[in-house]
Amino acid sequence: MSLDLNKTEQGVVDGLSSDFSEDLIEVYQSCDHTYIRVEKENIIDILKYLKEKHHFIFLCDIIGTDRYTSDERFEVIYNIMNLRTQDRMFVKTRVEEENPQLPTSTSLWTSAGWFEREIYDMYGVKFEGHPDHRRMYMPEDFEYFPLRKEFPLLGIPGSIELPNTTPDTE
């Protein structure tokens, strides 16, 4: 499959291929967007390179997914955008099920703090160096991660006190 990259995207891919050849795993397109999968060890250096050299200055989102595989179970996807050219790229990296960790990207984008907290709360992926690594939706003492695929659809009975489903009557 040949990639139909525009001039900006081709320059990004060429730059990554030369500067981060050891970390670049795959490049592909889907739905008119470019996806770049990289090794987790240099994810911050790659994101910094994309921000500083190729003007992908806007972090739209960071997404977590549970691939539910025995190898590299969790995937973290950085949705970044070049506001000059309106190009969008998705930079993906994977972490193992046991002790899933990535370095924080809050030094590049302050807004990453919110997204990283959400991924931690829902999937259990920890972000080393995060300035406020607390749970966001679930109580701090909740031991589970609700968006993991082994989590029961109806929740774990007795794990958290739920509000009464009927209105109080006198």
N, C-alpha and C. Protein backbone atom coordinates (compact mmCIF):
# COMPACT_ATOMS: atom_id res chain seq x y z
N MET A 1 0.85 -1.18 0.00
CA MET A 1 0.00 0.00 0.00
C MET A 1 0.89 1.24 0.00
N SER A 2 0.66 2.10 -0.95
CA SER A 2 1.42 3.34 -0.97
C SER A 2 0.66 4.40 -0.20
N LEU A 3 1.40 5.25 0.46
CA LEU A 3 0.78 6.31 1.25
C LEU A 3 0.59 7.54 0.38
N ASP A 4 -0.55 8.16 0.51
CA ASP A 4 -0.87 9.38 -0.24
C ASP A 4 -0.68 10.58 0.70
N LEU A 5 0.57 10.86 1.04
CA LEU A 5 0.88 11.92 1.98
C LEU A 5 1.01 13.26 1.26
N ASN A 6 0.56 14.32 1.93
CA ASN A 6 0.81 15.65 1.37
C ASN A 6 2.26 16.04 1.68
N LYS A 7 2.67 17.20 1.21
CA LYS A 7 4.07 17.63 1.35
C LYS A 7 4.50 17.72 2.81
N THR A 8 3.63 18.29 3.67
CA THR A 8 3.95 18.42 5.09
C THR A 8 4.10 17.06 5.75
N GLU A 9 3.14 16.18 5.52
CA GLU A 9 3.19 14.85 6.13
C GLU A 9 4.39 14.06 5.65
N GLN A 10 4.71 14.17 4.36
CA GLN A 10 5.88 13.46 3.83
C GLN A 10 7.16 13.96 4.48
N GLY A 11 7.25 15.27 4.71
CA GLY A 11 8.41 15.83 5.39
C GLY A 11 8.53 15.32 6.82
N VAL A 12 7.40 15.18 7.49
CA VAL A 12 7.40 14.65 8.86
C VAL A 12 7.87 13.21 8.87
N VAL A 13 7.31 12.39 7.99
CA VAL A 13 7.69 10.98 7.94
C VAL A 13 9.15 10.82 7.56
N ASP A 14 9.63 11.61 6.60
CA ASP A 14 11.04 11.54 6.21
C ASP A 14 11.94 11.95 7.39
N GLY A 15 11.55 13.01 8.11
CA GLY A 15 12.34 13.46 9.25
C GLY A 15 12.38 12.42 10.36
N LEU A 16 11.24 11.81 10.64
CA LEU A 16 11.21 10.76 11.66
C LEU A 16 12.03 9.55 11.23
N SER A 17 11.96 9.21 9.94
CA SER A 17 12.72 8.07 9.43
C SER A 17 14.22 8.28 9.58
N SER A 18 14.67 9.52 9.41
CA SER A 18 16.11 9.76 9.53
C SER A 18 16.55 10.00 10.97
N ASP A 19 15.75 10.74 11.75
CA ASP A 19 16.16 11.09 13.12
C ASP A 19 15.78 10.05 14.16
N PHE A 20 14.75 9.27 13.91
CA PHE A 20 14.26 8.28 14.89
C PHE A 20 14.04 6.92 14.24
N SER A 21 14.95 6.52 13.38
CA SER A 21 14.76 5.28 12.62
C SER A 21 14.61 4.05 13.52
N GLU A 22 15.28 4.03 14.65
CA GLU A 22 15.19 2.89 15.57
C GLU A 22 13.84 2.83 16.28
N ASP A 23 13.17 3.96 16.42
CA ASP A 23 11.92 4.03 17.18
C ASP A 23 10.67 3.97 16.32
N LEU A 24 10.81 4.16 15.03
CA LEU A 24 9.67 4.18 14.13
C LEU A 24 9.26 2.75 13.79
N ILE A 25 8.04 2.37 14.15
CA ILE A 25 7.57 1.00 13.90
C ILE A 25 6.77 0.92 12.61
N GLU A 26 5.78 1.80 12.46
CA GLU A 26 4.98 1.77 11.25
C GLU A 26 4.34 3.13 10.99
N VAL A 27 4.04 3.38 9.73
CA VAL A 27 3.33 4.58 9.30
C VAL A 27 2.24 4.10 8.36
N TYR A 28 1.01 4.55 8.60
CA TYR A 28 -0.08 4.18 7.71
C TYR A 28 -1.13 5.28 7.71
N GLN A 29 -2.03 5.20 6.76
CA GLN A 29 -3.13 6.15 6.67
C GLN A 29 -4.45 5.42 6.80
N SER A 30 -5.39 6.12 7.42
CA SER A 30 -6.76 5.62 7.56
C SER A 30 -7.66 6.83 7.69
N CYS A 31 -8.75 6.84 6.96
CA CYS A 31 -9.71 7.96 7.00
C CYS A 31 -9.02 9.30 6.77
N ASP A 32 -8.11 9.35 5.83
CA ASP A 32 -7.39 10.57 5.45
C ASP A 32 -6.50 11.14 6.56
N HIS A 33 -6.15 10.34 7.54
CA HIS A 33 -5.24 10.79 8.59
C HIS A 33 -4.03 9.87 8.62
N THR A 34 -2.91 10.42 9.06
CA THR A 34 -1.68 9.66 9.14
C THR A 34 -1.46 9.18 10.57
N TYR A 35 -1.13 7.91 10.70
CA TYR A 35 -0.87 7.28 11.99
C TYR A 35 0.59 6.84 12.01
N ILE A 36 1.26 7.17 13.10
CA ILE A 36 2.67 6.81 13.26
C ILE A 36 2.80 6.05 14.57
N ARG A 37 3.24 4.79 14.48
CA ARG A 37 3.43 4.00 15.70
C ARG A 37 4.92 3.97 16.02
N VAL A 38 5.25 4.31 17.28
CA VAL A 38 6.64 4.42 17.71
C VAL A 38 6.87 3.64 18.99
N GLU A 39 8.13 3.37 19.27
CA GLU A 39 8.51 2.73 20.53
C GLU A 39 8.27 3.69 21.68
N LYS A 40 7.92 3.15 22.83
CA LYS A 40 7.57 4.00 23.98
C LYS A 40 8.78 4.68 24.61
N GLU A 41 9.97 4.14 24.44
CA GLU A 41 11.15 4.67 25.12
C GLU A 41 11.44 6.13 24.77
N ASN A 42 11.20 6.53 23.54
CA ASN A 42 11.51 7.90 23.11
C ASN A 42 10.27 8.68 22.71
N ILE A 43 9.13 8.34 23.26
CA ILE A 43 7.89 9.00 22.87
C ILE A 43 7.95 10.51 23.11
N ILE A 44 8.51 10.94 24.22
CA ILE A 44 8.57 12.38 24.51
C ILE A 44 9.50 13.09 23.54
N ASP A 45 10.63 12.49 23.21
CA ASP A 45 11.54 13.09 22.24
C ASP A 45 10.88 13.22 20.87
N ILE A 46 10.12 12.22 20.49
CA ILE A 46 9.43 12.24 19.19
C ILE A 46 8.35 13.31 19.19
N LEU A 47 7.56 13.39 20.25
CA LEU A 47 6.52 14.41 20.33
C LEU A 47 7.13 15.82 20.35
N LYS A 48 8.25 15.98 21.06
CA LYS A 48 8.94 17.27 21.09
C LYS A 48 9.45 17.64 19.70
N TYR A 49 10.01 16.67 19.01
CA TYR A 49 10.48 16.89 17.64
C TYR A 49 9.34 17.33 16.73
N LEU A 50 8.20 16.65 16.82
CA LEU A 50 7.04 17.00 16.00
C LEU A 50 6.51 18.40 16.34
N LYS A 51 6.55 18.75 17.60
CA LYS A 51 6.06 20.06 18.02
C LYS A 51 7.02 21.17 17.57
N GLU A 52 8.30 20.99 17.82
CA GLU A 52 9.26 22.06 17.55
C GLU A 52 9.71 22.15 16.09
N LYS A 53 9.89 21.03 15.44
CA LYS A 53 10.41 21.05 14.06
C LYS A 53 9.31 21.10 13.01
N HIS A 54 8.14 20.53 13.32
CA HIS A 54 7.09 20.44 12.31
C HIS A 54 5.80 21.16 12.72
N HIS A 55 5.88 21.92 13.80
CA HIS A 55 4.78 22.81 14.23
C HIS A 55 3.48 22.11 14.58
N PHE A 56 3.56 20.89 15.08
CA PHE A 56 2.37 20.22 15.61
C PHE A 56 2.21 20.69 17.05
N ILE A 57 1.75 21.93 17.18
CA ILE A 57 1.73 22.59 18.49
C ILE A 57 0.46 22.36 19.28
N PHE A 58 -0.59 21.85 18.63
CA PHE A 58 -1.87 21.69 19.31
C PHE A 58 -2.11 20.22 19.64
N LEU A 59 -2.23 19.94 20.92
CA LEU A 59 -2.58 18.60 21.37
C LEU A 59 -4.10 18.54 21.48
N CYS A 60 -4.72 17.86 20.54
CA CYS A 60 -6.19 17.77 20.53
C CYS A 60 -6.69 16.83 21.61
N ASP A 61 -5.97 15.72 21.80
CA ASP A 61 -6.47 14.67 22.68
C ASP A 61 -5.37 13.64 22.89
N ILE A 62 -5.49 12.91 23.98
CA ILE A 62 -4.69 11.70 24.18
C ILE A 62 -5.71 10.61 24.48
N ILE A 63 -5.63 9.53 23.77
CA ILE A 63 -6.63 8.47 23.86
C ILE A 63 -5.97 7.20 24.36
N GLY A 64 -6.64 6.50 25.25
CA GLY A 64 -6.18 5.20 25.70
C GLY A 64 -7.06 4.12 25.12
N THR A 65 -6.47 2.97 24.82
CA THR A 65 -7.25 1.82 24.35
C THR A 65 -6.70 0.55 24.99
N ASP A 66 -7.58 -0.39 25.16
CA ASP A 66 -7.22 -1.72 25.66
C ASP A 66 -7.32 -2.67 24.48
N ARG A 67 -6.19 -3.14 23.98
CA ARG A 67 -6.16 -4.04 22.84
C ARG A 67 -6.52 -5.46 23.27
N TYR A 68 -6.48 -5.75 24.56
CA TYR A 68 -6.80 -7.06 25.15
C TYR A 68 -6.01 -8.17 24.49
N THR A 69 -4.70 -7.94 24.43
CA THR A 69 -3.77 -8.93 23.89
C THR A 69 -2.74 -9.26 24.97
N SER A 70 -2.04 -10.34 24.78
CA SER A 70 -1.04 -10.73 25.77
C SER A 70 0.25 -9.92 25.60
N ASP A 71 0.46 -9.32 24.46
CA ASP A 71 1.66 -8.54 24.19
C ASP A 71 1.27 -7.09 23.91
N GLU A 72 1.90 -6.17 24.61
CA GLU A 72 1.63 -4.73 24.44
C GLU A 72 0.13 -4.45 24.49
N ARG A 73 -0.46 -4.72 25.62
CA ARG A 73 -1.92 -4.67 25.75
C ARG A 73 -2.53 -3.29 25.57
N PHE A 74 -1.92 -2.26 26.16
CA PHE A 74 -2.53 -0.93 26.13
C PHE A 74 -1.85 -0.05 25.09
N GLU A 75 -2.66 0.76 24.43
CA GLU A 75 -2.15 1.68 23.43
C GLU A 75 -2.55 3.10 23.83
N VAL A 76 -1.60 4.02 23.71
CA VAL A 76 -1.85 5.43 23.99
C VAL A 76 -1.62 6.18 22.68
N ILE A 77 -2.61 7.00 22.30
CA ILE A 77 -2.59 7.68 21.01
C ILE A 77 -2.64 9.19 21.23
N TYR A 78 -1.64 9.88 20.73
CA TYR A 78 -1.56 11.34 20.83
C TYR A 78 -2.10 11.93 19.53
N ASN A 79 -3.18 12.68 19.64
CA ASN A 79 -3.81 13.32 18.49
C ASN A 79 -3.30 14.76 18.45
N ILE A 80 -2.40 15.04 17.50
CA ILE A 80 -1.76 16.36 17.44
C ILE A 80 -2.06 17.03 16.10
N MET A 81 -1.98 18.36 16.11
CA MET A 81 -2.36 19.10 14.90
C MET A 81 -1.40 20.26 14.65
N ASN A 82 -1.10 20.47 13.37
CA ASN A 82 -0.34 21.62 12.91
C ASN A 82 -1.37 22.67 12.52
N LEU A 83 -1.45 23.75 13.27
CA LEU A 83 -2.47 24.77 13.02
C LEU A 83 -2.20 25.60 11.77
N ARG A 84 -0.94 25.62 11.31
CA ARG A 84 -0.61 26.36 10.09
C ARG A 84 -1.19 25.67 8.86
N THR A 85 -1.01 24.35 8.80
CA THR A 85 -1.41 23.60 7.60
C THR A 85 -2.70 22.82 7.81
N GLN A 86 -3.20 22.79 9.02
CA GLN A 86 -4.40 22.02 9.38
C GLN A 86 -4.18 20.51 9.25
N ASP A 87 -2.92 20.06 9.26
CA ASP A 87 -2.62 18.63 9.22
C ASP A 87 -2.75 18.04 10.61
N ARG A 88 -3.26 16.84 10.66
CA ARG A 88 -3.44 16.13 11.92
C ARG A 88 -2.66 14.82 11.84
N MET A 89 -2.02 14.44 12.94
CA MET A 89 -1.31 13.17 13.02
C MET A 89 -1.68 12.48 14.31
N PHE A 90 -1.66 11.19 14.25
CA PHE A 90 -1.90 10.37 15.43
C PHE A 90 -0.63 9.59 15.71
N VAL A 91 -0.02 9.86 16.86
CA VAL A 91 1.21 9.18 17.25
C VAL A 91 0.83 8.14 18.30
N LYS A 92 1.12 6.87 17.98
CA LYS A 92 0.68 5.76 18.83
C LYS A 92 1.89 5.07 19.46
N THR A 93 1.70 4.63 20.69
CA THR A 93 2.71 3.80 21.35
C THR A 93 1.99 2.80 22.22
N ARG A 94 2.65 1.70 22.53
CA ARG A 94 2.03 0.63 23.30
C ARG A 94 2.82 0.33 24.56
N VAL A 95 2.10 -0.13 25.58
CA VAL A 95 2.72 -0.53 26.84
C VAL A 95 2.19 -1.89 27.26
N GLU A 96 2.98 -2.57 28.07
CA GLU A 96 2.62 -3.91 28.54
C GLU A 96 1.52 -3.86 29.59
N GLU A 97 0.89 -5.00 29.82
CA GLU A 97 -0.16 -5.10 30.83
C GLU A 97 0.40 -4.97 32.24
N GLU A 98 1.54 -5.58 32.49
CA GLU A 98 2.17 -5.51 33.81
C GLU A 98 2.88 -4.18 33.97
N ASN A 99 2.47 -3.40 34.95
CA ASN A 99 3.07 -2.11 35.25
C ASN A 99 3.13 -1.18 34.01
N PRO A 100 1.98 -0.87 33.43
CA PRO A 100 1.99 0.00 32.24
C PRO A 100 2.36 1.43 32.61
N GLN A 101 3.44 1.93 31.99
CA GLN A 101 3.93 3.27 32.30
C GLN A 101 4.46 3.96 31.05
N LEU A 102 4.27 5.27 31.02
CA LEU A 102 4.85 6.14 30.00
C LEU A 102 5.30 7.41 30.70
N PRO A 103 6.25 8.13 30.13
CA PRO A 103 6.58 9.43 30.70
C PRO A 103 5.47 10.44 30.39
N THR A 104 5.30 11.40 31.26
CA THR A 104 4.27 12.41 31.04
C THR A 104 4.68 13.36 29.92
N SER A 105 3.67 13.87 29.22
CA SER A 105 3.93 14.85 28.17
C SER A 105 3.50 16.25 28.61
N THR A 106 3.32 16.44 29.92
CA THR A 106 2.89 17.75 30.42
C THR A 106 3.95 18.83 30.26
N SER A 107 5.21 18.44 30.07
CA SER A 107 6.24 19.45 29.82
C SER A 107 6.10 20.04 28.42
N LEU A 108 5.44 19.33 27.52
CA LEU A 108 5.20 19.82 26.16
C LEU A 108 3.86 20.53 26.05
N TRP A 109 2.84 19.95 26.68
CA TRP A 109 1.49 20.51 26.64
C TRP A 109 0.89 20.42 28.03
N THR A 110 0.59 21.54 28.63
CA THR A 110 -0.02 21.54 29.95
C THR A 110 -1.34 20.79 29.94
N SER A 111 -2.08 20.90 28.85
CA SER A 111 -3.39 20.23 28.75
C SER A 111 -3.28 18.72 28.78
N ALA A 112 -2.10 18.17 28.56
CA ALA A 112 -1.93 16.72 28.60
C ALA A 112 -2.23 16.16 29.98
N GLY A 113 -2.12 16.98 31.01
CA GLY A 113 -2.40 16.52 32.37
C GLY A 113 -3.78 15.92 32.52
N TRP A 114 -4.75 16.58 31.96
CA TRP A 114 -6.14 16.11 32.05
C TRP A 114 -6.30 14.76 31.35
N PHE A 115 -5.81 14.66 30.13
CA PHE A 115 -5.95 13.43 29.35
C PHE A 115 -5.21 12.27 30.00
N GLU A 116 -4.02 12.54 30.52
CA GLU A 116 -3.24 11.48 31.17
C GLU A 116 -3.92 10.98 32.43
N ARG A 117 -4.51 11.89 33.19
CA ARG A 117 -5.25 11.47 34.39
C ARG A 117 -6.43 10.58 34.02
N GLU A 118 -7.11 10.93 32.95
CA GLU A 118 -8.25 10.14 32.51
C GLU A 118 -7.81 8.74 32.08
N ILE A 119 -6.72 8.65 31.34
CA ILE A 119 -6.21 7.34 30.90
C ILE A 119 -5.78 6.51 32.10
N TYR A 120 -5.13 7.14 33.06
CA TYR A 120 -4.75 6.42 34.28
C TYR A 120 -6.00 5.91 35.00
N ASP A 121 -6.99 6.75 35.17
CA ASP A 121 -8.19 6.39 35.92
C ASP A 121 -8.97 5.27 35.25
N MET A 122 -9.04 5.27 33.95
CA MET A 122 -9.86 4.30 33.24
C MET A 122 -9.12 3.02 32.84
N TYR A 123 -7.80 3.13 32.58
CA TYR A 123 -7.03 1.97 32.10
C TYR A 123 -5.90 1.54 33.03
N GLY A 124 -5.46 2.42 33.90
CA GLY A 124 -4.36 2.08 34.80
C GLY A 124 -2.98 2.35 34.25
N VAL A 125 -2.88 3.07 33.14
CA VAL A 125 -1.57 3.42 32.58
C VAL A 125 -1.05 4.62 33.37
N LYS A 126 0.10 4.46 34.00
CA LYS A 126 0.68 5.54 34.81
C LYS A 126 1.61 6.39 33.95
N PHE A 127 1.62 7.67 34.25
CA PHE A 127 2.48 8.62 33.53
C PHE A 127 3.51 9.17 34.50
N GLU A 128 4.74 8.70 34.34
CA GLU A 128 5.84 9.09 35.22
C GLU A 128 6.09 10.59 35.13
N GLY A 129 6.21 11.22 36.30
CA GLY A 129 6.49 12.65 36.35
C GLY A 129 5.26 13.53 36.24
N HIS A 130 4.09 12.93 36.23
CA HIS A 130 2.85 13.72 36.12
C HIS A 130 2.70 14.60 37.36
N PRO A 131 2.35 15.87 37.21
CA PRO A 131 2.28 16.77 38.35
C PRO A 131 1.09 16.54 39.29
N ASP A 132 0.06 15.83 38.84
CA ASP A 132 -1.13 15.63 39.67
C ASP A 132 -1.75 14.27 39.35
N HIS A 133 -1.04 13.23 39.75
CA HIS A 133 -1.45 11.87 39.38
C HIS A 133 -2.51 11.33 40.35
N ARG A 134 -3.72 11.84 40.21
CA ARG A 134 -4.84 11.35 41.02
C ARG A 134 -5.90 10.78 40.09
N ARG A 135 -6.80 10.01 40.69
CA ARG A 135 -7.94 9.52 39.92
C ARG A 135 -8.85 10.69 39.62
N MET A 136 -9.59 10.56 38.54
CA MET A 136 -10.41 11.67 38.07
C MET A 136 -11.89 11.41 38.28
N TYR A 137 -12.34 10.21 37.94
CA TYR A 137 -13.76 9.88 38.04
C TYR A 137 -14.05 8.93 39.21
N MET A 138 -13.16 8.00 39.40
CA MET A 138 -13.36 6.97 40.42
C MET A 138 -12.73 7.41 41.74
N PRO A 139 -13.24 6.87 42.86
CA PRO A 139 -12.63 7.20 44.16
C PRO A 139 -11.17 6.74 44.21
N GLU A 140 -10.35 7.43 44.98
CA GLU A 140 -8.93 7.10 45.08
C GLU A 140 -8.68 5.66 45.53
N ASP A 141 -9.55 5.12 46.38
CA ASP A 141 -9.34 3.77 46.89
C ASP A 141 -9.95 2.69 45.99
N PHE A 142 -10.51 3.04 44.86
CA PHE A 142 -11.09 2.08 43.92
C PHE A 142 -9.95 1.33 43.25
N GLU A 143 -9.94 0.00 43.34
CA GLU A 143 -8.80 -0.79 42.87
C GLU A 143 -8.87 -1.18 41.41
N TYR A 144 -9.94 -0.88 40.72
CA TYR A 144 -10.15 -1.37 39.37
C TYR A 144 -10.07 -0.24 38.35
N PHE A 145 -10.04 -0.63 37.09
CA PHE A 145 -9.97 0.34 35.99
C PHE A 145 -11.11 0.00 35.02
N PRO A 146 -12.18 0.80 35.03
CA PRO A 146 -13.43 0.44 34.36
C PRO A 146 -13.40 0.27 32.85
N LEU A 147 -12.44 0.83 32.12
CA LEU A 147 -12.45 0.64 30.67
C LEU A 147 -11.56 -0.51 30.20
N ARG A 148 -10.98 -1.23 31.15
CA ARG A 148 -10.27 -2.45 30.77
C ARG A 148 -11.30 -3.48 30.33
N LYS A 149 -10.96 -4.24 29.35
CA LYS A 149 -11.95 -5.14 28.75
C LYS A 149 -12.38 -6.28 29.66
N GLU A 150 -11.61 -6.61 30.68
CA GLU A 150 -12.04 -7.68 31.59
C GLU A 150 -12.99 -7.16 32.67
N PHE A 151 -13.17 -5.86 32.73
CA PHE A 151 -14.06 -5.27 33.73
C PHE A 151 -15.50 -5.63 33.38
N PRO A 152 -16.27 -6.19 34.33
CA PRO A 152 -17.65 -6.59 34.03
C PRO A 152 -18.53 -5.40 33.63
N LEU A 153 -19.40 -5.61 32.66
CA LEU A 153 -20.27 -4.55 32.17
C LEU A 153 -21.15 -3.96 33.26
N LEU A 154 -21.58 -4.78 34.20
CA LEU A 154 -22.44 -4.30 35.27
C LEU A 154 -21.64 -3.88 36.50
N GLY A 155 -20.33 -3.85 36.39
CA GLY A 155 -19.50 -3.46 37.52
C GLY A 155 -19.23 -4.63 38.45
N ILE A 156 -18.49 -4.38 39.48
CA ILE A 156 -18.15 -5.42 40.45
C ILE A 156 -19.03 -5.20 41.67
N PRO A 157 -19.92 -6.16 41.96
CA PRO A 157 -20.85 -5.97 43.08
C PRO A 157 -20.11 -5.68 44.39
N GLY A 158 -20.56 -4.63 45.07
CA GLY A 158 -20.00 -4.26 46.36
C GLY A 158 -18.70 -3.50 46.30
N SER A 159 -18.16 -3.24 45.11
CA SER A 159 -16.87 -2.56 45.03
C SER A 159 -17.00 -1.07 45.31
N ILE A 160 -18.16 -0.52 45.07
CA ILE A 160 -18.39 0.90 45.30
C ILE A 160 -19.87 1.07 45.66
N GLU A 161 -20.12 1.90 46.63
CA GLU A 161 -21.50 2.12 47.04
C GLU A 161 -22.20 2.98 46.01
N LEU A 162 -23.31 2.47 45.50
CA LEU A 162 -24.07 3.20 44.50
C LEU A 162 -25.25 3.90 45.13
N PRO A 163 -25.70 5.00 44.54
CA PRO A 163 -26.86 5.70 45.10
C PRO A 163 -28.14 4.87 44.94
N ASN A 164 -29.10 5.14 45.79
CA ASN A 164 -30.39 4.46 45.74
C ASN A 164 -31.06 4.80 44.40
N THR A 165 -31.70 3.80 43.78
CA THR A 165 -32.32 4.03 42.48
C THR A 165 -33.80 4.44 42.61
N THR A 166 -34.32 4.41 43.79
CA THR A 166 -35.70 4.85 43.97
C THR A 166 -35.71 6.10 44.83
N PRO A 167 -36.61 7.03 44.55
CA PRO A 167 -36.65 8.25 45.36
C PRO A 167 -37.11 7.94 46.78
N ASP A 168 -36.58 8.71 47.71
CA ASP A 168 -36.98 8.53 49.11
C ASP A 168 -38.45 8.87 49.26
N THR A 169 -39.14 8.08 50.02
CA THR A 169 -40.56 8.35 50.30
C THR A 169 -40.73 8.51 51.79
N GLU A 170 -41.71 9.32 52.16
CA GLU A 170 -41.94 9.53 53.59
C GLU A 170 -43.09 8.70 54.06
